[in-house]
């Protein structure tokens, strides 16, 4: 499921609230950064259980 955000702060807050481990957080944060770098938009792909 694609989850979009208006800005980086909201994205990071969502990631923080929906990840269980530091590794999960790092992976989602890296995904956010790469997606922004290539598309100019803040979004991540997450499983339905995280949303």
C-alpha atoms as a PDB file:
ATOM      1  CA  UNK A   1       0.000   0.000   0.000  1.00  0.00           C
ATOM      2  CA  UNK A   2       1.392   3.396  -1.003  1.00  0.00           C
ATOM      3  CA  UNK A   3       1.222   6.009   1.759  1.00  0.00           C
ATOM      4  CA  UNK A   4       1.794   9.631   0.741  1.00  0.00           C
ATOM      5  CA  UNK A   5       2.727  12.606   2.939  1.00  0.00           C
ATOM      6  CA  UNK A   6       2.672  16.385   2.542  1.00  0.00           C
ATOM      7  CA  UNK A   7       6.128  16.873   4.031  1.00  0.00           C
ATOM      8  CA  UNK A   8       9.116  15.019   5.423  1.00  0.00           C
ATOM      9  CA  UNK A   9       8.278  15.678   9.087  1.00  0.00           C
ATOM     10  CA  UNK A  10       4.864  14.036   8.778  1.00  0.00           C
ATOM     11  CA  UNK A  11       6.403  11.083   6.966  1.00  0.00           C
ATOM     12  CA  UNK A  12       9.059  10.534   9.613  1.00  0.00           C
ATOM     13  CA  UNK A  13       6.477  10.806  12.397  1.00  0.00           C
ATOM     14  CA  UNK A  14       4.299   8.183  10.679  1.00  0.00           C
ATOM     15  CA  UNK A  15       7.297   5.891  10.203  1.00  0.00           C
ATOM     16  CA  UNK A  16       8.262   6.304  13.856  1.00  0.00           C
ATOM     17  CA  UNK A  17       4.760   5.397  15.021  1.00  0.00           C
ATOM     18  CA  UNK A  18       4.391   2.397  12.712  1.00  0.00           C
ATOM     19  CA  UNK A  19       7.720   0.576  12.943  1.00  0.00           C
ATOM     20  CA  UNK A  20       8.711  -1.847  15.661  1.00  0.00           C
ATOM     21  CA  UNK A  21      12.497  -1.978  15.412  1.00  0.00           C
ATOM     22  CA  UNK A  22      15.347   0.363  14.589  1.00  0.00           C
ATOM     23  CA  UNK A  23      16.065  -1.668  11.456  1.00  0.00           C
ATOM     24  CA  UNK A  24      12.457  -1.291  10.277  1.00  0.00           C
ATOM     25  CA  UNK A  25      12.709   2.459  10.874  1.00  0.00           C
ATOM     26  CA  UNK A  26      15.983   2.715   8.955  1.00  0.00           C
ATOM     27  CA  UNK A  27      14.593   0.742   6.010  1.00  0.00           C
ATOM     28  CA  UNK A  28      11.434   2.852   5.770  1.00  0.00           C
ATOM     29  CA  UNK A  29      13.434   6.068   6.133  1.00  0.00           C
ATOM     30  CA  UNK A  30      15.778   5.016   3.345  1.00  0.00           C
ATOM     31  CA  UNK A  31      12.777   4.162   1.157  1.00  0.00           C
ATOM     32  CA  UNK A  32      11.320   7.619   1.887  1.00  0.00           C
ATOM     33  CA  UNK A  33      14.591   9.336   0.961  1.00  0.00           C
ATOM     34  CA  UNK A  34      15.019   7.407  -2.294  1.00  0.00           C
ATOM     35  CA  UNK A  35      11.409   7.986  -3.319  1.00  0.00           C
ATOM     36  CA  UNK A  36      11.787  11.715  -2.701  1.00  0.00           C
ATOM     37  CA  UNK A  37      15.100  11.852  -4.544  1.00  0.00           C
ATOM     38  CA  UNK A  38      13.657  10.259  -7.688  1.00  0.00           C
ATOM     39  CA  UNK A  39      10.084  11.578  -7.676  1.00  0.00           C
ATOM     40  CA  UNK A  40      10.085  14.746  -5.578  1.00  0.00           C
ATOM     41  CA  UNK A  41       7.247  13.298  -3.485  1.00  0.00           C
ATOM     42  CA  UNK A  42       7.209  11.934   0.053  1.00  0.00           C
ATOM     43  CA  UNK A  43       5.803   8.400   0.110  1.00  0.00           C
ATOM     44  CA  UNK A  44       6.541   4.883   1.272  1.00  0.00           C
ATOM     45  CA  UNK A  45       5.175   1.474   0.467  1.00  0.00           C
ATOM     46  CA  UNK A  46       4.011  -0.428   3.535  1.00  0.00           C
ATOM     47  CA  UNK A  47       2.093  -3.613   4.214  1.00  0.00           C
ATOM     48  CA  UNK A  48      -1.521  -3.241   5.269  1.00  0.00           C
ATOM     49  CA  UNK A  49      -0.639  -4.262   8.826  1.00  0.00           C
ATOM     50  CA  UNK A  50       1.505  -1.118   9.204  1.00  0.00           C
ATOM     51  CA  UNK A  51      -1.017   1.339   7.830  1.00  0.00           C
END
